[in-house]
Amino acid sequence: SFVARNGVPVFYHDPCHLRFSAPGREMPRKLIKT
């Protein structure tokens, strides 16, 4: 389980090697949303 200590606003930067496929865009965001 993951808990952000201070409720931090996070910006995720998409690497070009991932951002042009749906899984590449979605999986990191799903992980951060946990």
All heavy atoms as atom14 arrays in JSON, in Angstrom:
{
  "sequence": "SFVARNGVPVFYHDPCHLRFSAPGREMPRKLIKT",
  "atom14_mask": [
    [1, 1, 1, 1, 1, 1, 0, 0, 0, 0, 0, 0, 0, 0],
    [1, 1, 1, 1, 1, 1, 1, 1, 1, 1, 1, 0, 0, 0],
    [1, 1, 1, 1, 1, 1, 1, 0, 0, 0, 0, 0, 0, 0],
    [1, 1, 1, 1, 1, 0, 0, 0, 0, 0, 0, 0, 0, 0],
    [1, 1, 1, 1, 1, 1, 1, 1, 1, 1, 1, 0, 0, 0],
    [1, 1, 1, 1, 1, 1, 1, 1, 0, 0, 0, 0, 0, 0],
    [1, 1, 1, 1, 0, 0, 0, 0, 0, 0, 0, 0, 0, 0],
    [1, 1, 1, 1, 1, 1, 1, 0, 0, 0, 0, 0, 0, 0],
    [1, 1, 1, 1, 1, 1, 1, 0, 0, 0, 0, 0, 0, 0],
    [1, 1, 1, 1, 1, 1, 1, 0, 0, 0, 0, 0, 0, 0],
    [1, 1, 1, 1, 1, 1, 1, 1, 1, 1, 1, 0, 0, 0],
    [1, 1, 1, 1, 1, 1, 1, 1, 1, 1, 1, 1, 0, 0],
    [1, 1, 1, 1, 1, 1, 1, 1, 1, 1, 0, 0, 0, 0],
    [1, 1, 1, 1, 1, 1, 1, 1, 0, 0, 0, 0, 0, 0],
    [1, 1, 1, 1, 1, 1, 1, 0, 0, 0, 0, 0, 0, 0],
    [1, 1, 1, 1, 1, 1, 0, 0, 0, 0, 0, 0, 0, 0],
    [1, 1, 1, 1, 1, 1, 1, 1, 1, 1, 0, 0, 0, 0],
    [1, 1, 1, 1, 1, 1, 1, 1, 0, 0, 0, 0, 0, 0],
    [1, 1, 1, 1, 1, 1, 1, 1, 1, 1, 1, 0, 0, 0],
    [1, 1, 1, 1, 1, 1, 1, 1, 1, 1, 1, 0, 0, 0],
    [1, 1, 1, 1, 1, 1, 0, 0, 0, 0, 0, 0, 0, 0],
    [1, 1, 1, 1, 1, 0, 0, 0, 0, 0, 0, 0, 0, 0],
    [1, 1, 1, 1, 1, 1, 1, 0, 0, 0, 0, 0, 0, 0],
    [1, 1, 1, 1, 0, 0, 0, 0, 0, 0, 0, 0, 0, 0],
    [1, 1, 1, 1, 1, 1, 1, 1, 1, 1, 1, 0, 0, 0],
    [1, 1, 1, 1, 1, 1, 1, 1, 1, 0, 0, 0, 0, 0],
    [1, 1, 1, 1, 1, 1, 1, 1, 0, 0, 0, 0, 0, 0],
    [1, 1, 1, 1, 1, 1, 1, 0, 0, 0, 0, 0, 0, 0],
    [1, 1, 1, 1, 1, 1, 1, 1, 1, 1, 1, 0, 0, 0],
    [1, 1, 1, 1, 1, 1, 1, 1, 1, 0, 0, 0, 0, 0],
    [1, 1, 1, 1, 1, 1, 1, 1, 0, 0, 0, 0, 0, 0],
    [1, 1, 1, 1, 1, 1, 1, 1, 0, 0, 0, 0, 0, 0],
    [1, 1, 1, 1, 1, 1, 1, 1, 1, 0, 0, 0, 0, 0],
    [1, 1, 1, 1, 1, 1, 1, 0, 0, 0, 0, 0, 0, 0]
  ],
  "atom14_positions": [
    [[0.86, -1.19, 0.0], [0.0, 0.0, 0.0], [0.89, 1.23, 0.0], [1.97, 1.23, 0.6], [-0.9, 0.0, 1.23], [-0.13, 0.04, 2.42], [0.0, 0.0, 0.0], [0.0, 0.0, 0.0], [0.0, 0.0, 0.0], [0.0, 0.0, 0.0], [0.0, 0.0, 0.0], [0.0, 0.0, 0.0], [0.0, 0.0, 0.0], [0.0, 0.0, 0.0]],
    [[0.43, 2.25, -0.69], [1.2, 3.48, -0.82], [0.42, 4.65, -0.23], [-0.76, 4.81, -0.48], [1.5, 3.79, -2.29], [2.31, 2.73, -3.0], [1.74, 1.97, -4.01], [3.63, 2.51, -2.66], [2.48, 1.01, -4.67], [4.38, 1.54, -3.31], [3.81, 0.79, -4.32], [0.0, 0.0, 0.0], [0.0, 0.0, 0.0], [0.0, 0.0, 0.0]],
    [[1.12, 5.45, 0.57], [0.5, 6.61, 1.2], [1.43, 7.81, 1.04], [2.58, 7.78, 1.47], [0.23, 6.37, 2.7], [-0.42, 7.61, 3.31], [-0.64, 5.15, 2.9], [0.0, 0.0, 0.0], [0.0, 0.0, 0.0], [0.0, 0.0, 0.0], [0.0, 0.0, 0.0], [0.0, 0.0, 0.0], [0.0, 0.0, 0.0], [0.0, 0.0, 0.0]],
    [[0.93, 8.86, 0.4], [1.7, 10.09, 0.27], [1.65, 10.83, 1.6], [0.57, 11.07, 2.14], [1.15, 10.97, -0.84], [0.0, 0.0, 0.0], [0.0, 0.0, 0.0], [0.0, 0.0, 0.0], [0.0, 0.0, 0.0], [0.0, 0.0, 0.0], [0.0, 0.0, 0.0], [0.0, 0.0, 0.0], [0.0, 0.0, 0.0], [0.0, 0.0, 0.0]],
    [[2.79, 11.17, 2.14], [2.85, 11.75, 3.48], [2.12, 13.08, 3.59], [1.5, 13.37, 4.58], [4.33, 11.96, 3.88], [5.15, 10.68, 3.87], [4.65, 9.67, 4.9], [5.55, 8.53, 5.01], [5.28, 7.34, 4.5], [4.17, 7.16, 3.82], [6.13, 6.34, 4.64], [0.0, 0.0, 0.0], [0.0, 0.0, 0.0], [0.0, 0.0, 0.0]],
    [[2.16, 13.91, 2.54], [1.59, 15.25, 2.66], [0.56, 15.57, 1.58], [0.26, 16.72, 1.33], [2.71, 16.31, 2.6], [3.71, 16.15, 3.71], [3.33, 16.06, 4.87], [4.99, 16.1, 3.37], [0.0, 0.0, 0.0], [0.0, 0.0, 0.0], [0.0, 0.0, 0.0], [0.0, 0.0, 0.0], [0.0, 0.0, 0.0], [0.0, 0.0, 0.0]],
    [[0.03, 14.56, 0.93], [-0.95, 14.82, -0.12], [-0.39, 15.66, -1.24], [-0.93, 16.7, -1.62], [0.0, 0.0, 0.0], [0.0, 0.0, 0.0], [0.0, 0.0, 0.0], [0.0, 0.0, 0.0], [0.0, 0.0, 0.0], [0.0, 0.0, 0.0], [0.0, 0.0, 0.0], [0.0, 0.0, 0.0], [0.0, 0.0, 0.0], [0.0, 0.0, 0.0]],
    [[0.72, 15.25, -1.8], [1.48, 16.05, -2.74], [0.84, 16.05, -4.14], [0.4, 15.02, -4.62], [2.93, 15.53, -2.82], [2.98, 14.1, -3.32], [3.78, 16.43, -3.71], [0.0, 0.0, 0.0], [0.0, 0.0, 0.0], [0.0, 0.0, 0.0], [0.0, 0.0, 0.0], [0.0, 0.0, 0.0], [0.0, 0.0, 0.0], [0.0, 0.0, 0.0]],
    [[0.76, 17.23, -4.81], [0.32, 17.27, -6.2], [1.45, 16.81, -7.12], [2.55, 17.39, -7.11], [-0.04, 18.74, -6.44], [0.73, 19.5, -5.42], [0.92, 18.59, -4.25], [0.0, 0.0, 0.0], [0.0, 0.0, 0.0], [0.0, 0.0, 0.0], [0.0, 0.0, 0.0], [0.0, 0.0, 0.0], [0.0, 0.0, 0.0], [0.0, 0.0, 0.0]],
    [[1.21, 15.77, -7.9], [2.25, 15.12, -8.7], [1.98, 15.32, -10.18], [0.85, 15.13, -10.66], [2.3, 13.61, -8.39], [3.35, 12.93, -9.26], [2.59, 13.38, -6.91], [0.0, 0.0, 0.0], [0.0, 0.0, 0.0], [0.0, 0.0, 0.0], [0.0, 0.0, 0.0], [0.0, 0.0, 0.0], [0.0, 0.0, 0.0], [0.0, 0.0, 0.0]],
    [[3.03, 15.7, -10.9], [2.95, 15.75, -12.36], [3.78, 14.6, -12.9], [4.96, 14.47, -12.57], [3.5, 17.07, -12.91], [3.46, 17.17, -14.41], [2.34, 17.63, -15.06], [4.56, 16.79, -15.18], [2.3, 17.7, -16.46], [4.53, 16.85, -16.56], [3.39, 17.32, -17.2], [0.0, 0.0, 0.0], [0.0, 0.0, 0.0], [0.0, 0.0, 0.0]],
    [[3.17, 13.77, -13.74], [3.89, 12.65, -14.35], [4.31, 13.04, -15.75], [3.49, 13.43, -16.58], [3.04, 11.39, -14.4], [3.69, 10.29, -15.2], [4.79, 9.6, -14.68], [3.24, 9.96, -16.48], [5.42, 8.61, -15.42], [3.87, 8.98, -17.22], [4.96, 8.3, -16.69], [5.6, 7.34, -17.43], [0.0, 0.0, 0.0], [0.0, 0.0, 0.0]],
    [[5.62, 12.95, -16.02], [6.14, 13.23, -17.36], [6.22, 11.95, -18.15], [6.86, 10.97, -17.73], [7.53, 13.88, -17.29], [8.16, 13.99, -18.65], [7.75, 14.92, -19.58], [9.15, 13.27, -19.24], [8.46, 14.77, -20.69], [9.31, 13.78, -20.51], [0.0, 0.0, 0.0], [0.0, 0.0, 0.0], [0.0, 0.0, 0.0], [0.0, 0.0, 0.0]],
    [[5.59, 11.93, -19.31], [5.57, 10.75, -20.17], [6.84, 10.65, -21.0], [7.12, 11.52, -21.83], [4.39, 10.82, -21.13], [3.06, 10.69, -20.44], [2.54, 11.73, -19.97], [2.54, 9.57, -20.38], [0.0, 0.0, 0.0], [0.0, 0.0, 0.0], [0.0, 0.0, 0.0], [0.0, 0.0, 0.0], [0.0, 0.0, 0.0], [0.0, 0.0, 0.0]],
    [[7.62, 9.6, -20.82], [8.76, 9.37, -21.72], [8.24, 9.08, -23.12], [7.19, 8.44, -23.29], [9.44, 8.13, -21.13], [8.96, 8.06, -19.71], [7.56, 8.6, -19.74], [0.0, 0.0, 0.0], [0.0, 0.0, 0.0], [0.0, 0.0, 0.0], [0.0, 0.0, 0.0], [0.0, 0.0, 0.0], [0.0, 0.0, 0.0], [0.0, 0.0, 0.0]],
    [[8.94, 9.55, -24.13], [8.48, 9.33, -25.5], [8.38, 7.86, -25.86], [7.58, 7.48, -26.71], [9.4, 10.07, -26.48], [9.22, 11.87, -26.43], [0.0, 0.0, 0.0], [0.0, 0.0, 0.0], [0.0, 0.0, 0.0], [0.0, 0.0, 0.0], [0.0, 0.0, 0.0], [0.0, 0.0, 0.0], [0.0, 0.0, 0.0], [0.0, 0.0, 0.0]],
    [[9.19, 7.02, -25.22], [9.14, 5.6, -25.53], [7.9, 4.91, -24.98], [7.68, 3.73, -25.24], [10.41, 4.91, -25.02], [11.62, 5.21, -25.82], [12.52, 6.21, -25.47], [12.09, 4.69, -26.98], [13.48, 6.27, -26.37], [13.26, 5.36, -27.29], [0.0, 0.0, 0.0], [0.0, 0.0, 0.0], [0.0, 0.0, 0.0], [0.0, 0.0, 0.0]],
    [[7.08, 5.64, -24.2], [5.85, 5.07, -23.67], [4.6, 5.82, -24.12], [3.53, 5.23, -24.24], [5.89, 5.07, -22.13], [6.9, 4.16, -21.43], [6.75, 4.29, -19.93], [6.73, 2.71, -21.87], [0.0, 0.0, 0.0], [0.0, 0.0, 0.0], [0.0, 0.0, 0.0], [0.0, 0.0, 0.0], [0.0, 0.0, 0.0], [0.0, 0.0, 0.0]],
    [[4.71, 7.12, -24.36], [3.5, 7.94, -24.47], [2.69, 7.73, -25.75], [1.56, 8.23, -25.84], [3.86, 9.43, -24.33], [4.65, 10.06, -25.45], [5.04, 11.5, -25.08], [5.93, 12.12, -26.02], [5.55, 13.06, -26.88], [4.3, 13.46, -26.9], [6.42, 13.59, -27.71], [0.0, 0.0, 0.0], [0.0, 0.0, 0.0], [0.0, 0.0, 0.0]],
    [[3.22, 7.0, -26.72], [2.46, 6.81, -27.95], [1.68, 5.49, -27.99], [1.13, 5.13, -29.02], [3.4, 6.91, -29.16], [4.07, 8.24, -29.25], [5.46, 8.35, -29.15], [3.33, 9.4, -29.39], [6.08, 9.58, -29.23], [3.95, 10.64, -29.46], [5.32, 10.73, -29.37], [0.0, 0.0, 0.0], [0.0, 0.0, 0.0], [0.0, 0.0, 0.0]],
    [[1.63, 4.79, -26.87], [0.78, 3.6, -26.78], [-0.13, 3.75, -25.58], [0.24, 4.37, -24.58], [1.63, 2.33, -26.61], [2.22, 2.28, -25.33], [0.0, 0.0, 0.0], [0.0, 0.0, 0.0], [0.0, 0.0, 0.0], [0.0, 0.0, 0.0], [0.0, 0.0, 0.0], [0.0, 0.0, 0.0], [0.0, 0.0, 0.0], [0.0, 0.0, 0.0]],
    [[-1.34, 3.22, -25.68], [-2.3, 3.35, -24.59], [-1.77, 2.75, -23.28], [-1.84, 3.4, -22.23], [-3.64, 2.72, -24.98], [0.0, 0.0, 0.0], [0.0, 0.0, 0.0], [0.0, 0.0, 0.0], [0.0, 0.0, 0.0], [0.0, 0.0, 0.0], [0.0, 0.0, 0.0], [0.0, 0.0, 0.0], [0.0, 0.0, 0.0], [0.0, 0.0, 0.0]],
    [[-1.23, 1.52, -23.3], [-0.7, 0.98, -22.04], [0.45, 1.82, -21.49], [0.57, 2.01, -20.28], [-0.21, -0.42, -22.44], [-0.99, -0.77, -23.66], [-1.17, 0.53, -24.39], [0.0, 0.0, 0.0], [0.0, 0.0, 0.0], [0.0, 0.0, 0.0], [0.0, 0.0, 0.0], [0.0, 0.0, 0.0], [0.0, 0.0, 0.0], [0.0, 0.0, 0.0]],
    [[1.31, 2.33, -22.37], [2.44, 3.15, -21.94], [2.0, 4.42, -21.24], [2.66, 4.89, -20.3], [0.0, 0.0, 0.0], [0.0, 0.0, 0.0], [0.0, 0.0, 0.0], [0.0, 0.0, 0.0], [0.0, 0.0, 0.0], [0.0, 0.0, 0.0], [0.0, 0.0, 0.0], [0.0, 0.0, 0.0], [0.0, 0.0, 0.0], [0.0, 0.0, 0.0]],
    [[0.9, 5.0, -21.68], [0.36, 6.19, -21.04], [-0.4, 5.87, -19.76], [-0.34, 6.62, -18.78], [-0.59, 6.93, -22.0], [0.07, 7.55, -23.2], [-0.91, 8.43, -23.96], [-2.1, 7.7, -24.42], [-2.18, 7.09, -25.59], [-1.15, 7.09, -26.41], [-3.28, 6.47, -25.96], [0.0, 0.0, 0.0], [0.0, 0.0, 0.0], [0.0, 0.0, 0.0]],
    [[-1.11, 4.77, -19.78], [-2.06, 4.49, -18.7], [-1.43, 3.82, -17.48], [-1.8, 4.13, -16.35], [-3.2, 3.61, -19.24], [-4.05, 4.3, -20.3], [-4.95, 3.34, -21.04], [-4.91, 2.13, -20.71], [-5.67, 3.78, -21.96], [0.0, 0.0, 0.0], [0.0, 0.0, 0.0], [0.0, 0.0, 0.0], [0.0, 0.0, 0.0], [0.0, 0.0, 0.0]],
    [[-0.5, 2.89, -17.7], [0.02, 2.11, -16.57], [0.72, 2.95, -15.51], [0.47, 2.76, -14.31], [0.92, 0.98, -17.09], [0.14, -0.13, -17.76], [1.14, -1.6, -18.16], [2.25, -0.92, -19.38], [0.0, 0.0, 0.0], [0.0, 0.0, 0.0], [0.0, 0.0, 0.0], [0.0, 0.0, 0.0], [0.0, 0.0, 0.0], [0.0, 0.0, 0.0]],
    [[1.61, 3.89, -15.87], [2.23, 4.71, -14.81], [1.19, 5.52, -14.04], [1.31, 5.69, -12.82], [3.19, 5.61, -15.58], [3.42, 4.92, -16.88], [2.14, 4.23, -17.19], [0.0, 0.0, 0.0], [0.0, 0.0, 0.0], [0.0, 0.0, 0.0], [0.0, 0.0, 0.0], [0.0, 0.0, 0.0], [0.0, 0.0, 0.0], [0.0, 0.0, 0.0]],
    [[0.19, 6.02, -14.73], [-0.84, 6.8, -14.07], [-1.68, 5.94, -13.12], [-2.05, 6.37, -12.03], [-1.73, 7.49, -15.11], [-1.0, 8.61, -15.84], [-1.84, 9.18, -17.0], [-1.27, 10.45, -17.46], [-0.22, 10.53, -18.26], [0.35, 9.43, -18.71], [0.25, 11.72, -18.62], [0.0, 0.0, 0.0], [0.0, 0.0, 0.0], [0.0, 0.0, 0.0]],
    [[-1.97, 4.73, -13.55], [-2.71, 3.81, -12.67], [-1.91, 3.53, -11.41], [-2.47, 3.45, -10.32], [-3.01, 2.5, -13.41], [-4.07, 2.62, -14.48], [-4.31, 1.26, -15.15], [-5.39, 1.36, -16.22], [-5.6, 0.06, -16.91], [0.0, 0.0, 0.0], [0.0, 0.0, 0.0], [0.0, 0.0, 0.0], [0.0, 0.0, 0.0], [0.0, 0.0, 0.0]],
    [[-0.61, 3.4, -11.57], [0.25, 3.13, -10.42], [0.27, 4.31, -9.47], [0.17, 4.15, -8.24], [1.66, 2.8, -10.91], [2.63, 2.1, -9.95], [2.01, 0.85, -9.36], [3.92, 1.77, -10.68], [0.0, 0.0, 0.0], [0.0, 0.0, 0.0], [0.0, 0.0, 0.0], [0.0, 0.0, 0.0], [0.0, 0.0, 0.0], [0.0, 0.0, 0.0]],
    [[0.38, 5.52, -10.0], [0.38, 6.71, -9.15], [-0.97, 6.88, -8.45], [-1.03, 7.32, -7.29], [0.72, 7.96, -10.0], [2.15, 7.86, -10.53], [0.57, 9.24, -9.16], [2.51, 8.94, -11.52], [0.0, 0.0, 0.0], [0.0, 0.0, 0.0], [0.0, 0.0, 0.0], [0.0, 0.0, 0.0], [0.0, 0.0, 0.0], [0.0, 0.0, 0.0]],
    [[-2.04, 6.53, -9.13], [-3.38, 6.67, -8.54], [-3.59, 5.73, -7.36], [-4.54, 5.91, -6.59], [-4.44, 6.44, -9.61], [-4.56, 7.57, -10.62], [-5.58, 7.24, -11.68], [-5.67, 8.34, -12.73], [-6.64, 8.01, -13.81], [0.0, 0.0, 0.0], [0.0, 0.0, 0.0], [0.0, 0.0, 0.0], [0.0, 0.0, 0.0], [0.0, 0.0, 0.0]],
    [[-2.75, 4.72, -7.21], [-2.87, 3.82, -6.06], [-2.27, 4.43, -4.8], [-2.41, 3.86, -3.71], [-2.17, 2.47, -6.33], [-0.76, 2.69, -6.46], [-2.7, 1.81, -7.58], [0.0, 0.0, 0.0], [0.0, 0.0, 0.0], [0.0, 0.0, 0.0], [0.0, 0.0, 0.0], [0.0, 0.0, 0.0], [0.0, 0.0, 0.0], [0.0, 0.0, 0.0]]
  ]
}
